[in-house]
C-alpha atoms as a PDB file:
ATOM      1  CA  MET A   1     -93.597 -43.454 -64.025  1.00  0.00           C
ATOM      2  CA  GLN A   2     -93.573 -44.881 -67.369  1.00  0.00           C
ATOM      3  CA  ASN A   3     -94.169 -49.109 -68.063  1.00  0.00           C
ATOM      4  CA  ASN A   4     -93.933 -49.841 -64.913  1.00  0.00           C
ATOM      5  CA  ILE A   5     -90.839 -48.191 -64.175  1.00  0.00           C
ATOM      6  CA  ILE A   6     -89.716 -45.532 -61.574  1.00  0.00           C
ATOM      7  CA  ARG A   7     -86.630 -43.341 -62.174  1.00  0.00           C
ATOM      8  CA  ILE A   8     -85.043 -42.383 -58.922  1.00  0.00           C
ATOM      9  CA  LEU A   9     -81.680 -40.029 -59.143  1.00  0.00           C
ATOM     10  CA  ALA A  10     -79.745 -39.674 -56.417  1.00  0.00           C
ATOM     11  CA  LEU A  11     -76.964 -36.471 -56.414  1.00  0.00           C
ATOM     12  CA  GLY A  12     -73.628 -36.811 -54.639  1.00  0.00           C
ATOM     13  CA  ASP A  13     -72.540 -34.691 -51.926  1.00  0.00           C
ATOM     14  CA  VAL A  14     -73.030 -30.974 -52.683  1.00  0.00           C
ATOM     15  CA  VAL A  15     -70.159 -28.713 -51.935  1.00  0.00           C
ATOM     16  CA  GLY A  16     -70.641 -24.967 -51.010  1.00  0.00           C
ATOM     17  CA  LYS A  17     -72.198 -22.509 -52.118  1.00  0.00           C
ATOM     18  CA  SER A  18     -71.214 -22.802 -55.746  1.00  0.00           C
ATOM     19  CA  GLY A  19     -72.519 -26.356 -55.802  1.00  0.00           C
ATOM     20  CA  VAL A  20     -75.912 -25.495 -53.814  1.00  0.00           C
ATOM     21  CA  GLU A  21     -76.403 -22.669 -56.230  1.00  0.00           C
ATOM     22  CA  ARG A  22     -75.743 -24.891 -59.542  1.00  0.00           C
ATOM     23  CA  VAL A  23     -77.765 -27.981 -58.276  1.00  0.00           C
ATOM     24  CA  ALA A  24     -80.364 -25.868 -57.156  1.00  0.00           C
ATOM     25  CA  GLY A  25     -80.547 -23.712 -60.439  1.00  0.00           C
ATOM     26  CA  GLU A  26     -80.447 -26.740 -63.078  1.00  0.00           C
ATOM     27  CA  LEU A  27     -82.168 -29.654 -60.787  1.00  0.00           C
ATOM     28  CA  PHE A  28     -85.742 -29.222 -62.638  1.00  0.00           C
ATOM     29  CA  LYS A  29     -84.223 -29.291 -65.927  1.00  0.00           C
ATOM     30  CA  ILE A  30     -81.791 -32.529 -64.528  1.00  0.00           C
ATOM     31  CA  LYS A  31     -84.922 -34.315 -63.802  1.00  0.00           C
ATOM     32  CA  SER A  32     -86.872 -33.668 -66.877  1.00  0.00           C
ATOM     33  CA  GLU A  33     -84.034 -34.617 -68.729  1.00  0.00           C
ATOM     34  CA  LEU A  34     -83.728 -38.042 -67.113  1.00  0.00           C
ATOM     35  CA  ASN A  35     -87.150 -38.293 -66.753  1.00  0.00           C
ATOM     36  CA  ALA A  36     -86.646 -38.760 -63.236  1.00  0.00           C
ATOM     37  CA  ASP A  37     -89.761 -39.348 -60.834  1.00  0.00           C
ATOM     38  CA  VAL A  38     -87.672 -39.128 -57.540  1.00  0.00           C
ATOM     39  CA  VAL A  39     -84.641 -36.670 -56.806  1.00  0.00           C
ATOM     40  CA  LEU A  40     -82.383 -37.406 -53.589  1.00  0.00           C
ATOM     41  CA  VAL A  41     -79.391 -35.316 -52.957  1.00  0.00           C
ATOM     42  CA  ASN A  42     -76.788 -35.402 -50.336  1.00  0.00           C
ATOM     43  CA  GLY A  43     -76.210 -32.084 -48.553  1.00  0.00           C
ATOM     44  CA  GLU A  44     -73.864 -32.660 -45.135  1.00  0.00           C
ATOM     45  CA  ASN A  45     -70.964 -30.311 -47.198  1.00  0.00           C
ATOM     46  CA  THR A  46     -73.137 -27.364 -48.380  1.00  0.00           C
ATOM     47  CA  SER A  47     -72.329 -24.822 -45.881  1.00  0.00           C
ATOM     48  CA  GLU A  48     -69.150 -22.894 -46.526  1.00  0.00           C
ATOM     49  CA  TYR A  49     -68.323 -23.532 -42.723  1.00  0.00           C
ATOM     50  CA  ASN A  50     -68.401 -27.603 -43.112  1.00  0.00           C
ATOM     51  CA  GLY A  51     -72.148 -29.016 -42.510  1.00  0.00           C
ATOM     52  CA  LEU A  52     -75.678 -28.019 -43.753  1.00  0.00           C
ATOM     53  CA  ASP A  53     -77.477 -24.546 -43.041  1.00  0.00           C
ATOM     54  CA  VAL A  54     -80.889 -23.433 -43.319  1.00  0.00           C
ATOM     55  CA  TYR A  55     -80.131 -21.368 -46.706  1.00  0.00           C
ATOM     56  CA  SER A  56     -78.893 -24.292 -48.528  1.00  0.00           C
ATOM     57  CA  ALA A  57     -81.423 -26.683 -47.358  1.00  0.00           C
ATOM     58  CA  LYS A  58     -84.033 -24.450 -48.469  1.00  0.00           C
ATOM     59  CA  MET A  59     -82.352 -23.810 -51.678  1.00  0.00           C
ATOM     60  CA  LEU A  60     -82.233 -27.604 -52.767  1.00  0.00           C
ATOM     61  CA  LEU A  61     -85.483 -28.600 -51.736  1.00  0.00           C
ATOM     62  CA  ASP A  62     -86.992 -25.315 -53.408  1.00  0.00           C
ATOM     63  CA  GLY A  63     -84.676 -26.445 -56.536  1.00  0.00           C
ATOM     64  CA  GLY A  64     -86.534 -29.612 -57.066  1.00  0.00           C
ATOM     65  CA  ALA A  65     -84.672 -32.349 -54.310  1.00  0.00           C
ATOM     66  CA  ASP A  66     -87.384 -34.492 -52.761  1.00  0.00           C
ATOM     67  CA  VAL A  67     -85.130 -35.494 -49.881  1.00  0.00           C
ATOM     68  CA  ILE A  68     -81.735 -33.957 -48.598  1.00  0.00           C
ATOM     69  CA  THR A  69     -80.053 -37.071 -46.901  1.00  0.00           C
ATOM     70  CA  GLY A  70     -76.484 -36.365 -44.943  1.00  0.00           C
ATOM     71  CA  GLY A  71     -73.478 -37.507 -43.005  1.00  0.00           C
ATOM     72  CA  ASN A  72     -70.991 -37.312 -40.292  1.00  0.00           C
ATOM     73  CA  HIS A  73     -70.827 -33.390 -41.086  1.00  0.00           C
ATOM     74  CA  THR A  74     -74.597 -32.626 -41.074  1.00  0.00           C
ATOM     75  CA  ILE A  75     -75.056 -31.346 -37.552  1.00  0.00           C
ATOM     76  CA  ASN A  76     -72.248 -29.337 -37.628  1.00  0.00           C
ATOM     77  CA  LEU A  77     -73.743 -26.306 -37.357  1.00  0.00           C
ATOM     78  CA  LYS A  78     -76.445 -25.611 -34.465  1.00  0.00           C
ATOM     79  CA  GLU A  79     -78.788 -23.552 -36.697  1.00  0.00           C
ATOM     80  CA  ILE A  80     -80.133 -26.331 -38.717  1.00  0.00           C
ATOM     81  CA  TYR A  81     -81.200 -28.256 -35.638  1.00  0.00           C
ATOM     82  CA  SER A  82     -84.904 -27.228 -35.387  1.00  0.00           C
ATOM     83  CA  MET A  83     -85.094 -27.986 -39.228  1.00  0.00           C
ATOM     84  CA  LEU A  84     -84.038 -31.235 -38.835  1.00  0.00           C
ATOM     85  CA  ASP A  85     -86.601 -31.947 -36.161  1.00  0.00           C
ATOM     86  CA  GLU A  86     -89.591 -30.301 -38.339  1.00  0.00           C
ATOM     87  CA  ASN A  87     -88.984 -31.212 -41.800  1.00  0.00           C
ATOM     88  CA  PRO A  88     -89.232 -35.052 -42.560  1.00  0.00           C
ATOM     89  CA  TYR A  89     -87.788 -34.797 -45.775  1.00  0.00           C
ATOM     90  CA  LEU A  90     -84.259 -33.661 -44.221  1.00  0.00           C
ATOM     91  CA  LEU A  91     -82.370 -36.721 -42.798  1.00  0.00           C
ATOM     92  CA  ARG A  92     -79.276 -37.652 -40.790  1.00  0.00           C
ATOM     93  CA  PRO A  93     -77.471 -40.861 -40.724  1.00  0.00           C
ATOM     94  CA  ALA A  94     -79.919 -43.475 -38.592  1.00  0.00           C
ATOM     95  CA  ASN A  95     -77.327 -44.819 -36.492  1.00  0.00           C
ATOM     96  CA  PHE A  96     -76.341 -41.375 -34.668  1.00  0.00           C
ATOM     97  CA  PRO A  97     -76.955 -41.216 -31.309  1.00  0.00           C
ATOM     98  CA  PRO A  98     -80.814 -41.129 -30.124  1.00  0.00           C
ATOM     99  CA  LEU A  99     -80.938 -37.554 -28.934  1.00  0.00           C
ATOM    100  CA  CYS A 100     -79.639 -36.209 -31.979  1.00  0.00           C
ATOM    101  CA  PRO A 101     -81.751 -33.663 -33.832  1.00  0.00           C
ATOM    102  CA  GLY A 102     -83.487 -35.019 -36.815  1.00  0.00           C
ATOM    103  CA  ARG A 103     -84.620 -38.587 -38.351  1.00  0.00           C
ATOM    104  CA  GLY A 104     -82.498 -40.830 -40.082  1.00  0.00           C
ATOM    105  CA  TYR A 105     -85.358 -42.391 -42.878  1.00  0.00           C
ATOM    106  CA  THR A 106     -88.716 -40.908 -43.913  1.00  0.00           C
ATOM    107  CA  VAL A 107     -91.541 -42.242 -46.405  1.00  0.00           C
ATOM    108  CA  ILE A 108     -92.271 -40.215 -49.298  1.00  0.00           C
ATOM    109  CA  GLN A 109     -94.917 -40.818 -52.104  1.00  0.00           C
ATOM    110  CA  SER A 110     -94.204 -40.329 -55.794  1.00  0.00           C
ATOM    111  CA  VAL A 111     -96.545 -38.657 -58.254  1.00  0.00           C
ATOM    112  CA  SER A 112     -97.845 -42.223 -59.244  1.00  0.00           C
ATOM    113  CA  GLY A 113     -98.536 -43.039 -55.499  1.00  0.00           C
ATOM    114  CA  LEU A 114     -95.777 -45.362 -54.630  1.00  0.00           C
ATOM    115  CA  ARG A 115     -94.335 -45.297 -51.095  1.00  0.00           C
ATOM    116  CA  ILE A 116     -90.544 -44.888 -50.823  1.00  0.00           C
ATOM    117  CA  LEU A 117     -88.651 -45.421 -47.723  1.00  0.00           C
ATOM    118  CA  VAL A 118     -85.686 -43.242 -47.993  1.00  0.00           C
ATOM    119  CA  ILE A 119     -83.015 -44.157 -45.458  1.00  0.00           C
ATOM    120  CA  ASN A 120     -79.545 -42.469 -44.445  1.00  0.00           C
ATOM    121  CA  VAL A 121     -76.915 -44.229 -42.653  1.00  0.00           C
ATOM    122  CA  ALA A 122     -73.354 -43.723 -41.777  1.00  0.00           C
ATOM    123  CA  GLY A 123     -70.300 -45.774 -41.826  1.00  0.00           C
ATOM    124  CA  GLN A 124     -68.308 -47.213 -38.634  1.00  0.00           C
ATOM    125  CA  VAL A 125     -64.895 -47.478 -40.506  1.00  0.00           C
ATOM    126  CA  PHE A 126     -62.967 -44.582 -40.879  1.00  0.00           C
ATOM    127  CA  MET A 127     -65.540 -42.268 -39.436  1.00  0.00           C
ATOM    128  CA  PRO A 128     -66.586 -40.855 -36.215  1.00  0.00           C
ATOM    129  CA  PRO A 129     -68.343 -43.355 -33.843  1.00  0.00           C
ATOM    130  CA  ALA A 130     -71.619 -44.327 -34.849  1.00  0.00           C
ATOM    131  CA  ASP A 131     -74.193 -47.658 -34.359  1.00  0.00           C
ATOM    132  CA  ASN A 132     -74.025 -50.465 -36.373  1.00  0.00           C
ATOM    133  CA  PRO A 133     -75.344 -49.610 -39.530  1.00  0.00           C
ATOM    134  CA  PHE A 134     -76.496 -52.877 -40.504  1.00  0.00           C
ATOM    135  CA  VAL A 135     -78.032 -53.742 -37.308  1.00  0.00           C
ATOM    136  CA  CYS A 136     -79.810 -50.233 -37.619  1.00  0.00           C
ATOM    137  CA  VAL A 137     -81.217 -50.608 -41.178  1.00  0.00           C
ATOM    138  CA  ASP A 138     -82.391 -54.005 -39.869  1.00  0.00           C
ATOM    139  CA  ARG A 139     -84.359 -52.528 -37.327  1.00  0.00           C
ATOM    140  CA  ILE A 140     -85.686 -49.833 -39.521  1.00  0.00           C
ATOM    141  CA  LEU A 141     -86.852 -52.063 -42.124  1.00  0.00           C
ATOM    142  CA  LYS A 142     -88.732 -54.302 -39.559  1.00  0.00           C
ATOM    143  CA  GLU A 143     -90.275 -51.446 -38.115  1.00  0.00           C
ATOM    144  CA  ASN A 144     -91.597 -49.959 -41.266  1.00  0.00           C
ATOM    145  CA  GLU A 145     -92.689 -53.427 -42.847  1.00  0.00           C
ATOM    146  CA  GLY A 146     -96.193 -52.910 -44.869  1.00  0.00           C
ATOM    147  CA  LYS A 147     -95.485 -49.201 -44.819  1.00  0.00           C
ATOM    148  CA  TYR A 148     -93.463 -48.687 -47.857  1.00  0.00           C
ATOM    149  CA  ASP A 149     -93.046 -50.170 -51.572  1.00  0.00           C
ATOM    150  CA  LEU A 150     -89.867 -49.163 -52.410  1.00  0.00           C
ATOM    151  CA  ALA A 151     -86.345 -48.959 -49.959  1.00  0.00           C
ATOM    152  CA  VAL A 152     -83.436 -46.973 -50.866  1.00  0.00           C
ATOM    153  CA  ALA A 153     -80.164 -45.970 -48.861  1.00  0.00           C
ATOM    154  CA  ASP A 154     -78.012 -43.418 -48.957  1.00  0.00           C
ATOM    155  CA  PHE A 155     -74.469 -45.108 -47.274  1.00  0.00           C
ATOM    156  CA  HIS A 156     -72.831 -42.484 -46.124  1.00  0.00           C
ATOM    157  CA  GLY A 157     -69.121 -44.092 -45.472  1.00  0.00           C
ATOM    158  CA  GLU A 158     -65.212 -44.247 -46.026  1.00  0.00           C
ATOM    159  CA  ALA A 159     -64.549 -47.751 -46.613  1.00  0.00           C
ATOM    160  CA  THR A 160     -65.446 -49.430 -49.983  1.00  0.00           C
ATOM    161  CA  SER A 161     -65.352 -53.020 -48.207  1.00  0.00           C
ATOM    162  CA  GLU A 162     -68.186 -51.902 -45.908  1.00  0.00           C
ATOM    163  CA  LYS A 163     -70.287 -50.120 -48.474  1.00  0.00           C
ATOM    164  CA  THR A 164     -70.103 -53.556 -50.771  1.00  0.00           C
ATOM    165  CA  ALA A 165     -70.765 -55.763 -47.330  1.00  0.00           C
ATOM    166  CA  PHE A 166     -73.853 -53.320 -47.085  1.00  0.00           C
ATOM    167  CA  GLY A 167     -75.145 -53.628 -50.316  1.00  0.00           C
ATOM    168  CA  LEU A 168     -75.150 -57.606 -50.554  1.00  0.00           C
ATOM    169  CA  TRP A 169     -76.562 -57.818 -46.784  1.00  0.00           C
ATOM    170  CA  PHE A 170     -79.442 -55.908 -47.747  1.00  0.00           C
ATOM    171  CA  ASP A 171     -79.525 -57.231 -51.432  1.00  0.00           C
ATOM    172  CA  GLY A 172     -83.212 -57.957 -52.248  1.00  0.00           C
ATOM    173  CA  ARG A 173     -84.550 -56.025 -49.258  1.00  0.00           C
ATOM    174  CA  ILE A 174     -83.456 -52.467 -50.414  1.00  0.00           C
ATOM    175  CA  HIS A 175     -84.176 -51.958 -54.007  1.00  0.00           C
ATOM    176  CA  CYS A 176     -81.360 -49.287 -54.750  1.00  0.00           C
ATOM    177  CA  ILE A 177     -78.132 -48.357 -52.560  1.00  0.00           C
ATOM    178  CA  TYR A 178     -75.693 -45.781 -52.935  1.00  0.00           C
ATOM    179  CA  GLY A 179     -72.362 -44.447 -51.201  1.00  0.00           C
ATOM    180  CA  THR A 180     -71.566 -40.661 -50.486  1.00  0.00           C
ATOM    181  CA  HIS A 181     -68.717 -39.461 -48.418  1.00  0.00           C
ATOM    182  CA  THR A 182     -65.611 -39.950 -50.598  1.00  0.00           C
ATOM    183  CA  HIS A 183     -66.706 -37.578 -53.350  1.00  0.00           C
ATOM    184  CA  ILE A 184     -64.858 -39.673 -55.987  1.00  0.00           C
ATOM    185  CA  PRO A 185     -67.363 -41.638 -58.121  1.00  0.00           C
ATOM    186  CA  THR A 186     -66.648 -45.216 -58.471  1.00  0.00           C
ATOM    187  CA  ALA A 187     -67.085 -47.618 -61.851  1.00  0.00           C
ATOM    188  CA  ASP A 188     -68.667 -50.461 -60.204  1.00  0.00           C
ATOM    189  CA  GLU A 189     -72.469 -49.795 -60.795  1.00  0.00           C
ATOM    190  CA  THR A 190     -74.400 -52.980 -61.099  1.00  0.00           C
ATOM    191  CA  LEU A 191     -77.404 -55.132 -60.308  1.00  0.00           C
ATOM    192  CA  LEU A 192     -76.802 -57.478 -57.115  1.00  0.00           C
ATOM    193  CA  PRO A 193     -77.916 -61.052 -57.615  1.00  0.00           C
ATOM    194  CA  LYS A 194     -81.407 -60.373 -55.497  1.00  0.00           C
ATOM    195  CA  GLY A 195     -82.510 -57.438 -57.362  1.00  0.00           C
ATOM    196  CA  THR A 196     -80.799 -54.422 -56.047  1.00  0.00           C
ATOM    197  CA  GLY A 197     -79.198 -51.798 -57.736  1.00  0.00           C
ATOM    198  CA  TYR A 198     -75.861 -50.969 -56.240  1.00  0.00           C
ATOM    199  CA  ILE A 199     -72.912 -48.510 -56.518  1.00  0.00           C
ATOM    200  CA  THR A 200     -69.992 -47.900 -53.699  1.00  0.00           C
ATOM    201  CA  ASP A 201     -69.674 -44.204 -54.289  1.00  0.00           C
ATOM    202  CA  ILE A 202     -71.668 -41.620 -56.739  1.00  0.00           C
ATOM    203  CA  GLY A 203     -68.971 -38.571 -55.970  1.00  0.00           C
ATOM    204  CA  MET A 204     -69.690 -35.093 -55.543  1.00  0.00           C
ATOM    205  CA  CYS A 205     -71.667 -31.647 -56.925  1.00  0.00           C
ATOM    206  CA  GLY A 206     -68.475 -29.146 -56.818  1.00  0.00           C
ATOM    207  CA  VAL A 207     -65.803 -27.599 -57.883  1.00  0.00           C
ATOM    208  CA  ARG A 208     -63.307 -30.551 -59.320  1.00  0.00           C
ATOM    209  CA  GLU A 209     -60.331 -27.949 -60.868  1.00  0.00           C
ATOM    210  CA  GLY A 210     -58.109 -26.634 -58.237  1.00  0.00           C
ATOM    211  CA  THR A 211     -59.669 -28.496 -55.084  1.00  0.00           C
ATOM    212  CA  VAL A 212     -59.418 -31.492 -53.322  1.00  0.00           C
ATOM    213  CA  LEU A 213     -62.479 -32.902 -52.837  1.00  0.00           C
ATOM    214  CA  GLY A 214     -64.262 -29.843 -53.649  1.00  0.00           C
ATOM    215  CA  VAL A 215     -62.262 -27.646 -51.252  1.00  0.00           C
ATOM    216  CA  LYS A 216     -59.105 -25.317 -51.912  1.00  0.00           C
ATOM    217  CA  ALA A 217     -56.161 -27.691 -52.677  1.00  0.00           C
ATOM    218  CA  GLU A 218     -53.663 -26.114 -50.617  1.00  0.00           C
ATOM    219  CA  THR A 219     -55.298 -26.675 -47.224  1.00  0.00           C
ATOM    220  CA  VAL A 220     -55.446 -30.108 -47.919  1.00  0.00           C
ATOM    221  CA  VAL A 221     -51.931 -30.457 -49.581  1.00  0.00           C
ATOM    222  CA  ASN A 222     -50.170 -28.527 -46.715  1.00  0.00           C
ATOM    223  CA  LYS A 223     -52.162 -30.726 -44.049  1.00  0.00           C
ATOM    224  CA  PHE A 224     -50.430 -33.791 -45.524  1.00  0.00           C
ATOM    225  CA  ILE A 225     -46.700 -32.186 -45.882  1.00  0.00           C
ATOM    226  CA  SER A 226     -47.068 -30.301 -42.260  1.00  0.00           C
ATOM    227  CA  GLY A 227     -49.345 -32.301 -40.250  1.00  0.00           C
ATOM    228  CA  VAL A 228     -50.844 -28.862 -39.406  1.00  0.00           C
ATOM    229  CA  HIS A 229     -54.742 -28.874 -39.826  1.00  0.00           C
ATOM    230  CA  GLU A 230     -56.129 -25.565 -41.627  1.00  0.00           C
ATOM    231  CA  ARG A 231     -59.941 -24.724 -42.029  1.00  0.00           C
ATOM    232  CA  PHE A 232     -60.992 -26.143 -45.474  1.00  0.00           C
ATOM    233  CA  GLU A 233     -62.249 -23.607 -47.876  1.00  0.00           C
ATOM    234  CA  ARG A 234     -64.747 -23.649 -50.804  1.00  0.00           C
ATOM    235  CA  ILE A 235     -63.674 -22.149 -53.957  1.00  0.00           C
ATOM    236  CA  SER A 236     -65.808 -20.940 -56.695  1.00  0.00           C
ATOM    237  CA  GLY A 237     -65.638 -22.542 -60.022  1.00  0.00           C
ATOM    238  CA  LYS A 238     -67.153 -24.619 -62.675  1.00  0.00           C
ATOM    239  CA  VAL A 239     -69.031 -26.793 -60.743  1.00  0.00           C
ATOM    240  CA  GLU A 240     -69.414 -30.613 -61.857  1.00  0.00           C
ATOM    241  CA  ILE A 241     -72.549 -32.829 -61.119  1.00  0.00           C
ATOM    242  CA  ASN A 242     -72.553 -36.202 -60.251  1.00  0.00           C
ATOM    243  CA  GLY A 243     -74.906 -38.901 -59.466  1.00  0.00           C
ATOM    244  CA  VAL A 244     -76.900 -42.393 -60.368  1.00  0.00           C
ATOM    245  CA  LEU A 245     -79.771 -43.239 -61.837  1.00  0.00           C
ATOM    246  CA  PHE A 246     -81.679 -46.377 -61.000  1.00  0.00           C
ATOM    247  CA  GLU A 247     -84.742 -47.924 -62.961  1.00  0.00           C
ATOM    248  CA  VAL A 248     -86.911 -49.982 -60.649  1.00  0.00           C
ATOM    249  CA  ASP A 249     -89.540 -52.224 -61.940  1.00  0.00           C
ATOM    250  CA  VAL A 250     -92.285 -51.618 -59.324  1.00  0.00           C
ATOM    251  CA  LEU A 251     -94.330 -54.962 -60.330  1.00  0.00           C
ATOM    252  CA  GLN A 252     -91.029 -57.113 -60.180  1.00  0.00           C
ATOM    253  CA  LYS A 253     -89.707 -55.400 -57.131  1.00  0.00           C
ATOM    254  CA  ARG A 254     -86.426 -55.207 -58.942  1.00  0.00           C
ATOM    255  CA  CYS A 255     -83.761 -52.629 -60.067  1.00  0.00           C
ATOM    256  CA  VAL A 256     -83.321 -53.203 -63.498  1.00  0.00           C
ATOM    257  CA  GLY A 257     -80.992 -50.058 -64.533  1.00  0.00           C
ATOM    258  CA  VAL A 258     -78.021 -48.064 -62.909  1.00  0.00           C
ATOM    259  CA  LYS A 259     -76.402 -45.545 -64.832  1.00  0.00           C
ATOM    260  CA  ARG A 260     -73.813 -42.916 -63.573  1.00  0.00           C
ATOM    261  CA  ILE A 261     -74.580 -39.436 -64.221  1.00  0.00           C
ATOM    262  CA  LYS A 262     -72.339 -36.744 -64.710  1.00  0.00           C
ATOM    263  CA  HIS A 263     -73.079 -32.969 -65.999  1.00  0.00           C
ATOM    264  CA  VAL A 264     -70.373 -30.814 -66.286  1.00  0.00           C
END
């Protein structure tokens, strides 16, 4: 942290083994280049079989991720259940059912000693069933009052309207809000009136060429043409890294900078 500014880097959905290997292999370098103090990575699509696996989670944490956030696919593989329960830096959406493995938020401490509340939540619009994300996060903030200095939220959702509404509702209460899930970065990064840094979606870390959202194009195209679902296949290739860098003034408790990040 320099000049009372903490820099928080969030990377979008990491897709497949190739995405995991590039992000894990370059994360320390990227963190240094951007002078980032904290790194959050969405890992719900890391497995070749759809979901999060233990190998990928360990690779990303060892590679420099401070917290791995999730989404609707996080709990697809049973092998990750015990790690979700045991590792406080591995999250799934907080508004999943109470008996679901894992947790939906955590408090980490930066090198400078700041306590950062990291929240992961899923949307309801065009998404699998989940509790109301607005009510859920209101409850988390209230329950953790006085236990953190800054708050960050990964809203994993499909609808841009729902994400935008979430940003406005929590403007000034959550310092950095970013969306994940669509794998397509949006060009609406902004500073909201009450001091929150916001962007609707930060995109993905995966292969763009020859894919639809990071998976083999034919498997998706065929579904649209025939109506028959095929198992999505990850493919190898040139991985692009997408994310966002927030700059937060810790004295004013306001976000003062939001910048989209893209490494190809």
